[in-house]
Amino acid sequence: MQRVRTSQSGFSMVEMLMAAFILAVGILGLSMLQLMSMRAARGSRSLTTAVQIADHIMDRLELEGRLSYLTLTDTALAAPAAMGTLNYITQPTVTRLFNKDGVDVASVPPPADVTPIFTVTTTLVAGVNNIPVRNAAGAQIGLMGFDDYQVVVRFEDELAAGTATKVQRTVNLTRRILHG
C-alpha cells in the first residue's frame, strides 16, 4: 500500500520572521508618532499659558484704565480718590517673570516652583492724554486719554528636532486702553 503524502499546514520559520519584522516596523512607527504628539502637546501647553498671561495683563491694564476713568468722571466724588496699587498706567515699561504654571514669580512664596519660564514685558507704545472731560454743566473736571499697550511674552520651548538648542517663542498682544 502506498502512502499519500498530505501537505502540512502552518507557518514556516521564514514567514514568522518576516511577520515579526513587519510588526516591529509598524510598532516603531507608532511609537515615534506618539512621541511627536507628546512634544506637540507640551509646546501647545506653553503657548496657551503664554497667551493666557498676556491676556491677563492686558485685562488688568484695561481694568485699571477704566477705574481711573470712572474715578475721574464720578460726580459724587469731591476729589479723585486714591488709586491704591494701580501702577501700570503710569509706568511706560514693566518686565515680570512667570513660572511654568503662569504664576508671577514675585508673588510665589518659597519653596514653591519659582523657576522663571516666561519673561513678560509690558510697554506703553503710544498715547494721547489730553482729551478734556467735562461735567454736566460743561466745566472741565480733568483729562482723559487712551494708551496703546503691547505685552510681549518670551519663552523657550522644547528642543528643536535634531538640535541641542531650545526654540525661542514669542507672543505679542496689543490693545488700546481708555483711562482718566
N, C-alpha and C. Protein backbone atom coordinates (compact mmCIF):
# COMPACT_ATOMS: atom_id res chain seq x y z
N MET A 1 0.82 -1.16 0.00
CA MET A 1 0.00 0.00 0.00
C MET A 1 0.88 1.25 0.00
N GLN A 2 0.45 2.16 -0.80
CA GLN A 2 1.23 3.37 -0.97
C GLN A 2 0.62 4.48 -0.11
N ARG A 3 1.48 5.14 0.58
CA ARG A 3 1.02 6.23 1.44
C ARG A 3 0.91 7.52 0.66
N VAL A 4 -0.17 8.22 0.87
CA VAL A 4 -0.36 9.52 0.21
C VAL A 4 0.17 10.60 1.15
N ARG A 5 1.00 11.40 0.58
CA ARG A 5 1.61 12.45 1.39
C ARG A 5 0.66 13.65 1.49
N THR A 6 0.34 14.08 2.67
CA THR A 6 -0.54 15.24 2.85
C THR A 6 0.32 16.47 3.14
N SER A 7 -0.13 17.58 2.63
CA SER A 7 0.64 18.82 2.90
C SER A 7 0.31 19.29 4.31
N GLN A 8 1.32 19.71 4.98
CA GLN A 8 1.14 20.20 6.34
C GLN A 8 0.75 21.68 6.32
N SER A 9 -0.11 22.07 7.21
CA SER A 9 -0.48 23.49 7.28
C SER A 9 0.27 24.13 8.43
N GLY A 10 0.47 25.47 8.34
CA GLY A 10 1.19 26.20 9.37
C GLY A 10 2.15 27.20 8.74
N PHE A 11 2.96 27.83 9.57
CA PHE A 11 3.90 28.83 9.09
C PHE A 11 5.29 28.26 9.13
N SER A 12 6.09 28.67 8.16
CA SER A 12 7.50 28.29 8.19
C SER A 12 8.26 29.32 9.02
N MET A 13 9.47 29.04 9.36
CA MET A 13 10.29 29.94 10.16
C MET A 13 10.52 31.27 9.41
N VAL A 14 10.72 31.24 8.14
CA VAL A 14 10.95 32.45 7.34
C VAL A 14 9.71 33.33 7.37
N GLU A 15 8.54 32.73 7.24
CA GLU A 15 7.30 33.51 7.28
C GLU A 15 7.11 34.17 8.66
N MET A 16 7.44 33.46 9.70
CA MET A 16 7.33 34.02 11.05
C MET A 16 8.28 35.19 11.23
N LEU A 17 9.52 35.07 10.75
CA LEU A 17 10.49 36.17 10.88
C LEU A 17 10.04 37.39 10.09
N MET A 18 9.50 37.19 8.90
CA MET A 18 9.02 38.31 8.09
C MET A 18 7.83 39.01 8.78
N ALA A 19 6.93 38.25 9.33
CA ALA A 19 5.78 38.83 10.02
C ALA A 19 6.23 39.62 11.26
N ALA A 20 7.20 39.09 12.00
CA ALA A 20 7.72 39.78 13.17
C ALA A 20 8.42 41.08 12.77
N PHE A 21 9.15 41.05 11.67
CA PHE A 21 9.85 42.25 11.19
C PHE A 21 8.84 43.34 10.80
N ILE A 22 7.82 42.97 10.07
CA ILE A 22 6.80 43.95 9.65
C ILE A 22 6.07 44.51 10.87
N LEU A 23 5.76 43.68 11.84
CA LEU A 23 5.12 44.14 13.07
C LEU A 23 6.02 45.10 13.84
N ALA A 24 7.32 44.81 13.92
CA ALA A 24 8.26 45.67 14.64
C ALA A 24 8.36 47.03 13.98
N VAL A 25 8.41 47.07 12.65
CA VAL A 25 8.48 48.35 11.94
C VAL A 25 7.20 49.17 12.20
N GLY A 26 6.05 48.53 12.20
CA GLY A 26 4.79 49.22 12.47
C GLY A 26 4.74 49.78 13.88
N ILE A 27 5.16 49.01 14.85
CA ILE A 27 5.15 49.46 16.24
C ILE A 27 6.14 50.60 16.45
N LEU A 28 7.30 50.53 15.81
CA LEU A 28 8.28 51.61 15.90
C LEU A 28 7.70 52.91 15.32
N GLY A 29 7.00 52.82 14.20
CA GLY A 29 6.37 54.00 13.61
C GLY A 29 5.33 54.60 14.52
N LEU A 30 4.52 53.76 15.15
CA LEU A 30 3.50 54.25 16.07
C LEU A 30 4.12 54.91 17.31
N SER A 31 5.22 54.36 17.81
CA SER A 31 5.86 54.95 18.98
C SER A 31 6.47 56.31 18.63
N MET A 32 7.02 56.48 17.44
CA MET A 32 7.55 57.77 17.02
C MET A 32 6.41 58.79 16.87
N LEU A 33 5.28 58.34 16.36
CA LEU A 33 4.12 59.21 16.23
C LEU A 33 3.63 59.67 17.61
N GLN A 34 3.63 58.78 18.56
CA GLN A 34 3.23 59.11 19.93
C GLN A 34 4.19 60.12 20.55
N LEU A 35 5.49 59.93 20.34
CA LEU A 35 6.49 60.84 20.87
C LEU A 35 6.33 62.24 20.28
N MET A 36 6.11 62.32 18.98
CA MET A 36 5.90 63.61 18.33
C MET A 36 4.62 64.28 18.84
N SER A 37 3.60 63.50 19.07
CA SER A 37 2.34 64.02 19.59
C SER A 37 2.52 64.60 21.00
N MET A 38 3.30 63.92 21.83
CA MET A 38 3.55 64.41 23.19
C MET A 38 4.34 65.71 23.17
N ARG A 39 5.33 65.82 22.28
CA ARG A 39 6.11 67.06 22.16
C ARG A 39 5.22 68.21 21.71
N ALA A 40 4.36 67.95 20.74
CA ALA A 40 3.46 69.00 20.25
C ALA A 40 2.50 69.44 21.34
N ALA A 41 2.01 68.51 22.14
CA ALA A 41 1.09 68.86 23.23
C ALA A 41 1.79 69.71 24.27
N ARG A 42 3.05 69.37 24.58
CA ARG A 42 3.81 70.15 25.55
C ARG A 42 4.04 71.57 25.03
N GLY A 43 4.37 71.69 23.75
CA GLY A 43 4.58 73.01 23.15
C GLY A 43 3.31 73.83 23.12
N SER A 44 2.18 73.19 22.84
CA SER A 44 0.93 73.93 22.80
C SER A 44 0.51 74.36 24.21
N ARG A 45 0.87 73.59 25.22
CA ARG A 45 0.56 74.00 26.60
C ARG A 45 1.34 75.26 26.95
N SER A 46 2.62 75.31 26.57
CA SER A 46 3.42 76.50 26.84
C SER A 46 2.87 77.71 26.10
N LEU A 47 2.47 77.51 24.85
CA LEU A 47 1.91 78.62 24.07
C LEU A 47 0.59 79.10 24.66
N THR A 48 -0.24 78.17 25.10
CA THR A 48 -1.52 78.54 25.72
C THR A 48 -1.29 79.33 27.01
N THR A 49 -0.33 78.90 27.82
CA THR A 49 -0.01 79.61 29.06
C THR A 49 0.50 81.01 28.76
N ALA A 50 1.34 81.15 27.73
CA ALA A 50 1.87 82.46 27.36
C ALA A 50 0.75 83.40 26.92
N VAL A 51 -0.19 82.89 26.12
CA VAL A 51 -1.32 83.71 25.68
C VAL A 51 -2.19 84.10 26.86
N GLN A 52 -2.41 83.18 27.79
CA GLN A 52 -3.22 83.50 28.97
C GLN A 52 -2.56 84.56 29.84
N ILE A 53 -1.23 84.50 29.99
CA ILE A 53 -0.51 85.51 30.76
C ILE A 53 -0.66 86.88 30.10
N ALA A 54 -0.44 86.94 28.79
CA ALA A 54 -0.55 88.21 28.07
C ALA A 54 -1.97 88.77 28.17
N ASP A 55 -2.96 87.92 28.03
CA ASP A 55 -4.35 88.36 28.11
C ASP A 55 -4.69 88.84 29.52
N HIS A 56 -4.18 88.16 30.54
CA HIS A 56 -4.42 88.56 31.93
C HIS A 56 -3.85 89.96 32.19
N ILE A 57 -2.64 90.21 31.71
CA ILE A 57 -2.02 91.51 31.93
C ILE A 57 -2.78 92.60 31.18
N MET A 58 -3.20 92.30 29.95
CA MET A 58 -3.99 93.28 29.19
C MET A 58 -5.33 93.56 29.88
N ASP A 59 -5.96 92.52 30.41
CA ASP A 59 -7.22 92.72 31.13
C ASP A 59 -7.01 93.61 32.35
N ARG A 60 -5.89 93.42 33.05
CA ARG A 60 -5.61 94.24 34.23
C ARG A 60 -5.35 95.69 33.82
N LEU A 61 -4.61 95.87 32.72
CA LEU A 61 -4.38 97.22 32.22
C LEU A 61 -5.70 97.90 31.87
N GLU A 62 -6.56 97.17 31.19
CA GLU A 62 -7.85 97.74 30.80
C GLU A 62 -8.71 98.06 32.02
N LEU A 63 -8.71 97.17 33.01
CA LEU A 63 -9.47 97.41 34.24
C LEU A 63 -8.95 98.65 34.96
N GLU A 64 -7.63 98.77 35.07
CA GLU A 64 -7.06 99.93 35.75
C GLU A 64 -7.36 101.21 34.98
N GLY A 65 -7.35 101.14 33.65
CA GLY A 65 -7.70 102.31 32.86
C GLY A 65 -9.14 102.72 33.06
N ARG A 66 -10.04 101.74 33.07
CA ARG A 66 -11.46 102.05 33.29
C ARG A 66 -11.70 102.60 34.70
N LEU A 67 -11.02 102.02 35.69
CA LEU A 67 -11.19 102.51 37.06
C LEU A 67 -10.70 103.94 37.18
N SER A 68 -9.56 104.25 36.55
CA SER A 68 -9.06 105.63 36.63
C SER A 68 -10.00 106.59 35.91
N TYR A 69 -10.59 106.15 34.80
CA TYR A 69 -11.56 107.00 34.08
C TYR A 69 -12.82 107.20 34.92
N LEU A 70 -13.32 106.13 35.54
CA LEU A 70 -14.52 106.24 36.37
C LEU A 70 -14.27 107.11 37.60
N THR A 71 -13.07 107.00 38.17
CA THR A 71 -12.73 107.84 39.31
C THR A 71 -12.71 109.31 38.91
N LEU A 72 -12.21 109.57 37.71
CA LEU A 72 -12.13 110.94 37.22
C LEU A 72 -13.52 111.51 36.94
N THR A 73 -14.41 110.71 36.40
CA THR A 73 -15.71 111.22 35.95
C THR A 73 -16.83 111.02 36.96
N ASP A 74 -16.56 110.43 38.11
CA ASP A 74 -17.60 110.21 39.12
C ASP A 74 -17.97 111.54 39.76
N THR A 75 -19.19 111.98 39.52
CA THR A 75 -19.61 113.29 40.02
C THR A 75 -19.86 113.30 41.52
N ALA A 76 -19.99 112.13 42.14
CA ALA A 76 -20.23 112.07 43.58
C ALA A 76 -18.95 112.34 44.37
N LEU A 77 -17.80 112.25 43.72
CA LEU A 77 -16.54 112.47 44.43
C LEU A 77 -16.16 113.93 44.39
N ALA A 78 -15.75 114.47 45.52
CA ALA A 78 -15.29 115.86 45.56
C ALA A 78 -13.91 115.98 44.92
N ALA A 79 -13.09 114.97 45.13
CA ALA A 79 -11.75 114.92 44.54
C ALA A 79 -11.49 113.49 44.11
N PRO A 80 -10.65 113.30 43.10
CA PRO A 80 -10.36 111.93 42.68
C PRO A 80 -9.82 111.10 43.83
N ALA A 81 -10.33 109.90 43.97
CA ALA A 81 -9.91 109.01 45.05
C ALA A 81 -8.53 108.43 44.75
N ALA A 82 -7.87 108.00 45.80
CA ALA A 82 -6.56 107.36 45.61
C ALA A 82 -6.76 106.05 44.84
N MET A 83 -5.85 105.78 43.94
CA MET A 83 -5.99 104.61 43.08
C MET A 83 -5.39 103.35 43.70
N GLY A 84 -4.87 103.42 44.88
CA GLY A 84 -4.35 102.22 45.53
C GLY A 84 -3.11 101.68 44.84
N THR A 85 -3.15 100.39 44.49
CA THR A 85 -1.97 99.74 43.91
C THR A 85 -1.98 99.74 42.39
N LEU A 86 -2.84 100.52 41.78
CA LEU A 86 -2.86 100.57 40.32
C LEU A 86 -1.58 101.25 39.85
N ASN A 87 -0.78 100.54 39.05
CA ASN A 87 0.52 101.12 38.71
C ASN A 87 0.92 100.96 37.24
N TYR A 88 0.20 100.21 36.46
CA TYR A 88 0.61 100.01 35.07
C TYR A 88 0.45 101.28 34.24
N ILE A 89 -0.59 102.04 34.50
CA ILE A 89 -0.90 103.19 33.67
C ILE A 89 0.25 104.21 33.68
N THR A 90 0.89 104.41 34.80
CA THR A 90 1.94 105.42 34.90
C THR A 90 3.33 104.89 34.53
N GLN A 91 3.50 103.61 34.35
CA GLN A 91 4.82 103.06 34.04
C GLN A 91 4.92 102.73 32.56
N PRO A 92 5.90 103.31 31.86
CA PRO A 92 5.99 103.05 30.42
C PRO A 92 6.42 101.62 30.09
N THR A 93 7.27 100.99 30.89
CA THR A 93 7.71 99.62 30.61
C THR A 93 7.84 98.85 31.92
N VAL A 94 7.26 97.65 31.95
CA VAL A 94 7.32 96.77 33.13
C VAL A 94 7.73 95.39 32.64
N THR A 95 8.71 94.77 33.31
CA THR A 95 9.12 93.40 32.97
C THR A 95 8.91 92.53 34.19
N ARG A 96 8.24 91.37 33.97
CA ARG A 96 7.96 90.45 35.07
C ARG A 96 8.28 89.03 34.61
N LEU A 97 8.50 88.14 35.58
CA LEU A 97 8.81 86.74 35.29
C LEU A 97 7.69 85.85 35.82
N PHE A 98 7.33 84.82 35.05
CA PHE A 98 6.29 83.88 35.43
C PHE A 98 6.83 82.47 35.34
N ASN A 99 6.31 81.58 36.22
CA ASN A 99 6.76 80.18 36.20
C ASN A 99 5.95 79.38 35.18
N LYS A 100 6.18 78.07 35.13
CA LYS A 100 5.54 77.22 34.12
C LYS A 100 4.02 77.16 34.25
N ASP A 101 3.48 77.50 35.41
CA ASP A 101 2.03 77.49 35.62
C ASP A 101 1.40 78.85 35.36
N GLY A 102 2.21 79.84 34.94
CA GLY A 102 1.69 81.16 34.66
C GLY A 102 1.52 82.03 35.88
N VAL A 103 2.23 81.71 36.96
CA VAL A 103 2.13 82.48 38.21
C VAL A 103 3.33 83.40 38.30
N ASP A 104 3.08 84.66 38.67
CA ASP A 104 4.15 85.65 38.82
C ASP A 104 5.15 85.15 39.87
N VAL A 105 6.42 85.07 39.49
CA VAL A 105 7.46 84.54 40.38
C VAL A 105 7.59 85.39 41.64
N ALA A 106 7.37 86.71 41.53
CA ALA A 106 7.50 87.58 42.69
C ALA A 106 6.41 87.33 43.72
N SER A 107 5.29 86.72 43.31
CA SER A 107 4.18 86.51 44.23
C SER A 107 4.12 85.10 44.81
N VAL A 108 5.07 84.24 44.45
CA VAL A 108 5.04 82.85 44.91
C VAL A 108 5.94 82.70 46.13
N PRO A 109 5.39 82.28 47.28
CA PRO A 109 6.24 82.10 48.46
C PRO A 109 7.08 80.83 48.33
N PRO A 110 8.33 80.86 48.81
CA PRO A 110 9.15 79.64 48.79
C PRO A 110 8.50 78.58 49.66
N PRO A 111 8.69 77.32 49.45
CA PRO A 111 9.60 76.67 48.49
C PRO A 111 8.91 76.28 47.18
N ALA A 112 7.87 76.99 46.78
CA ALA A 112 7.16 76.65 45.54
C ALA A 112 8.08 76.84 44.33
N ASP A 113 7.64 76.35 43.19
CA ASP A 113 8.41 76.44 41.96
C ASP A 113 8.47 77.89 41.50
N VAL A 114 9.65 78.50 41.61
CA VAL A 114 9.82 79.89 41.20
C VAL A 114 10.74 80.01 40.00
N THR A 115 11.01 78.91 39.31
CA THR A 115 11.87 78.95 38.13
C THR A 115 11.15 79.72 37.03
N PRO A 116 11.70 80.87 36.63
CA PRO A 116 11.00 81.64 35.59
C PRO A 116 11.09 80.95 34.24
N ILE A 117 9.97 80.84 33.58
CA ILE A 117 9.88 80.26 32.26
C ILE A 117 9.51 81.34 31.25
N PHE A 118 8.59 82.22 31.65
CA PHE A 118 8.05 83.25 30.77
C PHE A 118 8.56 84.62 31.20
N THR A 119 9.12 85.38 30.27
CA THR A 119 9.52 86.75 30.53
C THR A 119 8.50 87.65 29.85
N VAL A 120 7.84 88.49 30.63
CA VAL A 120 6.75 89.32 30.12
C VAL A 120 7.17 90.78 30.22
N THR A 121 7.10 91.48 29.09
CA THR A 121 7.41 92.90 29.05
C THR A 121 6.17 93.65 28.60
N THR A 122 5.72 94.59 29.43
CA THR A 122 4.58 95.43 29.10
C THR A 122 5.13 96.81 28.74
N THR A 123 4.76 97.30 27.55
CA THR A 123 5.31 98.55 27.06
C THR A 123 4.19 99.50 26.64
N LEU A 124 4.32 100.76 27.03
CA LEU A 124 3.43 101.80 26.55
C LEU A 124 3.93 102.20 25.17
N VAL A 125 3.16 101.89 24.12
CA VAL A 125 3.59 102.15 22.75
C VAL A 125 3.34 103.59 22.37
N ALA A 126 2.12 104.06 22.52
CA ALA A 126 1.76 105.44 22.17
C ALA A 126 0.51 105.81 22.95
N GLY A 127 0.29 107.10 23.07
CA GLY A 127 -0.91 107.51 23.79
C GLY A 127 -1.25 108.97 23.57
N VAL A 128 -2.48 109.29 23.84
CA VAL A 128 -2.98 110.66 23.81
C VAL A 128 -3.62 110.89 25.16
N ASN A 129 -3.14 111.89 25.90
CA ASN A 129 -3.60 112.08 27.27
C ASN A 129 -4.14 113.48 27.52
N ASN A 130 -4.68 114.12 26.51
CA ASN A 130 -5.12 115.49 26.73
C ASN A 130 -6.55 115.73 26.25
N ILE A 131 -7.40 114.75 26.33
CA ILE A 131 -8.79 114.90 25.95
C ILE A 131 -9.54 115.39 27.19
N PRO A 132 -10.16 116.60 27.14
CA PRO A 132 -10.83 117.13 28.33
C PRO A 132 -12.10 116.36 28.68
N VAL A 133 -12.32 116.16 29.98
CA VAL A 133 -13.54 115.53 30.49
C VAL A 133 -14.33 116.64 31.17
N ARG A 134 -15.59 116.77 30.76
CA ARG A 134 -16.43 117.84 31.28
C ARG A 134 -17.62 117.26 32.04
N ASN A 135 -18.07 117.98 33.05
CA ASN A 135 -19.24 117.55 33.80
C ASN A 135 -20.50 118.01 33.08
N ALA A 136 -21.67 117.77 33.68
CA ALA A 136 -22.95 118.11 33.05
C ALA A 136 -23.09 119.61 32.81
N ALA A 137 -22.43 120.42 33.63
CA ALA A 137 -22.51 121.87 33.47
C ALA A 137 -21.54 122.38 32.41
N GLY A 138 -20.67 121.51 31.88
CA GLY A 138 -19.72 121.90 30.85
C GLY A 138 -18.36 122.30 31.37
N ALA A 139 -18.15 122.24 32.69
CA ALA A 139 -16.86 122.59 33.26
C ALA A 139 -15.90 121.41 33.14
N GLN A 140 -14.65 121.74 32.83
CA GLN A 140 -13.65 120.67 32.70
C GLN A 140 -13.28 120.15 34.08
N ILE A 141 -13.36 118.82 34.24
CA ILE A 141 -13.05 118.22 35.54
C ILE A 141 -11.77 117.40 35.49
N GLY A 142 -11.17 117.29 34.36
CA GLY A 142 -9.92 116.55 34.25
C GLY A 142 -9.63 116.20 32.80
N LEU A 143 -8.56 115.43 32.63
CA LEU A 143 -8.16 114.98 31.31
C LEU A 143 -8.23 113.47 31.25
N MET A 144 -8.66 112.97 30.13
CA MET A 144 -8.63 111.53 29.91
C MET A 144 -7.79 111.28 28.67
N GLY A 145 -7.52 110.04 28.45
CA GLY A 145 -6.74 109.72 27.27
C GLY A 145 -6.86 108.25 26.94
N PHE A 146 -6.10 107.84 25.96
CA PHE A 146 -6.01 106.43 25.64
C PHE A 146 -4.56 106.11 25.37
N ASP A 147 -4.18 104.93 25.72
CA ASP A 147 -2.82 104.45 25.51
C ASP A 147 -2.87 103.14 24.76
N ASP A 148 -1.90 102.94 23.90
CA ASP A 148 -1.72 101.65 23.24
C ASP A 148 -0.63 100.91 24.00
N TYR A 149 -0.99 99.77 24.56
CA TYR A 149 -0.04 98.95 25.30
C TYR A 149 0.27 97.69 24.51
N GLN A 150 1.50 97.25 24.62
CA GLN A 150 1.92 95.99 24.00
C GLN A 150 2.49 95.09 25.09
N VAL A 151 2.02 93.85 25.10
CA VAL A 151 2.56 92.84 26.02
C VAL A 151 3.29 91.82 25.17
N VAL A 152 4.57 91.58 25.50
CA VAL A 152 5.39 90.60 24.78
C VAL A 152 5.79 89.52 25.78
N VAL A 153 5.42 88.29 25.48
CA VAL A 153 5.78 87.15 26.33
C VAL A 153 6.82 86.32 25.57
N ARG A 154 7.99 86.13 26.18
CA ARG A 154 9.05 85.33 25.56
C ARG A 154 9.27 84.08 26.42
N PHE A 155 9.46 82.96 25.73
CA PHE A 155 9.72 81.72 26.46
C PHE A 155 10.46 80.75 25.57
N GLU A 156 11.10 79.77 26.20
CA GLU A 156 11.81 78.72 25.48
C GLU A 156 10.94 77.49 25.48
N ASP A 157 10.86 76.88 24.30
CA ASP A 157 10.04 75.69 24.16
C ASP A 157 10.93 74.45 24.05
N GLU A 158 10.31 73.31 23.87
CA GLU A 158 11.00 72.02 23.72
C GLU A 158 12.18 72.12 22.77
N LEU A 159 13.10 71.21 22.91
CA LEU A 159 14.24 71.17 22.00
C LEU A 159 13.76 70.99 20.57
N ALA A 160 14.40 71.71 19.66
CA ALA A 160 14.07 71.55 18.24
C ALA A 160 14.53 70.17 17.79
N ALA A 161 13.85 69.62 16.82
CA ALA A 161 14.16 68.27 16.34
C ALA A 161 15.58 68.20 15.81
N GLY A 162 16.39 67.31 16.39
CA GLY A 162 17.74 67.07 15.92
C GLY A 162 18.78 68.09 16.36
N THR A 163 18.43 69.04 17.23
CA THR A 163 19.41 70.03 17.69
C THR A 163 19.46 70.03 19.21
N ALA A 164 20.48 70.71 19.74
CA ALA A 164 20.65 70.78 21.19
C ALA A 164 20.20 72.14 21.74
N THR A 165 19.60 72.98 20.91
CA THR A 165 19.16 74.30 21.38
C THR A 165 17.65 74.34 21.51
N LYS A 166 17.18 75.17 22.44
CA LYS A 166 15.74 75.31 22.63
C LYS A 166 15.19 76.33 21.64
N VAL A 167 13.93 76.17 21.33
CA VAL A 167 13.26 77.06 20.40
C VAL A 167 12.74 78.28 21.16
N GLN A 168 13.12 79.48 20.71
CA GLN A 168 12.64 80.71 21.31
C GLN A 168 11.29 81.06 20.69
N ARG A 169 10.28 81.29 21.52
CA ARG A 169 8.96 81.65 21.01
C ARG A 169 8.52 82.95 21.65
N THR A 170 7.66 83.68 20.92
CA THR A 170 7.20 84.98 21.38
C THR A 170 5.71 85.12 21.11
N VAL A 171 5.00 85.70 22.07
CA VAL A 171 3.59 86.04 21.90
C VAL A 171 3.47 87.55 22.08
N ASN A 172 2.87 88.24 21.10
CA ASN A 172 2.66 89.69 21.15
C ASN A 172 1.17 89.98 21.21
N LEU A 173 0.79 90.90 22.11
CA LEU A 173 -0.60 91.30 22.23
C LEU A 173 -0.61 92.82 22.40
N THR A 174 -1.45 93.51 21.60
CA THR A 174 -1.55 94.97 21.67
C THR A 174 -3.00 95.36 21.86
N ARG A 175 -3.25 96.37 22.72
CA ARG A 175 -4.61 96.80 22.97
C ARG A 175 -4.62 98.30 23.26
N ARG A 176 -5.67 98.99 22.83
CA ARG A 176 -5.86 100.40 23.13
C ARG A 176 -6.73 100.49 24.38
N ILE A 177 -6.27 101.29 25.36
CA ILE A 177 -6.94 101.35 26.65
C ILE A 177 -7.30 102.80 26.97
N LEU A 178 -8.57 103.04 27.28
CA LEU A 178 -9.06 104.35 27.68
C LEU A 178 -8.85 104.52 29.18
N HIS A 179 -8.37 105.69 29.58
CA HIS A 179 -8.16 105.93 31.01
C HIS A 179 -8.29 107.39 31.32
N GLY A 180 -8.40 107.67 32.62
CA GLY A 180 -8.54 109.06 33.08
C GLY A 180 -7.26 109.56 33.68
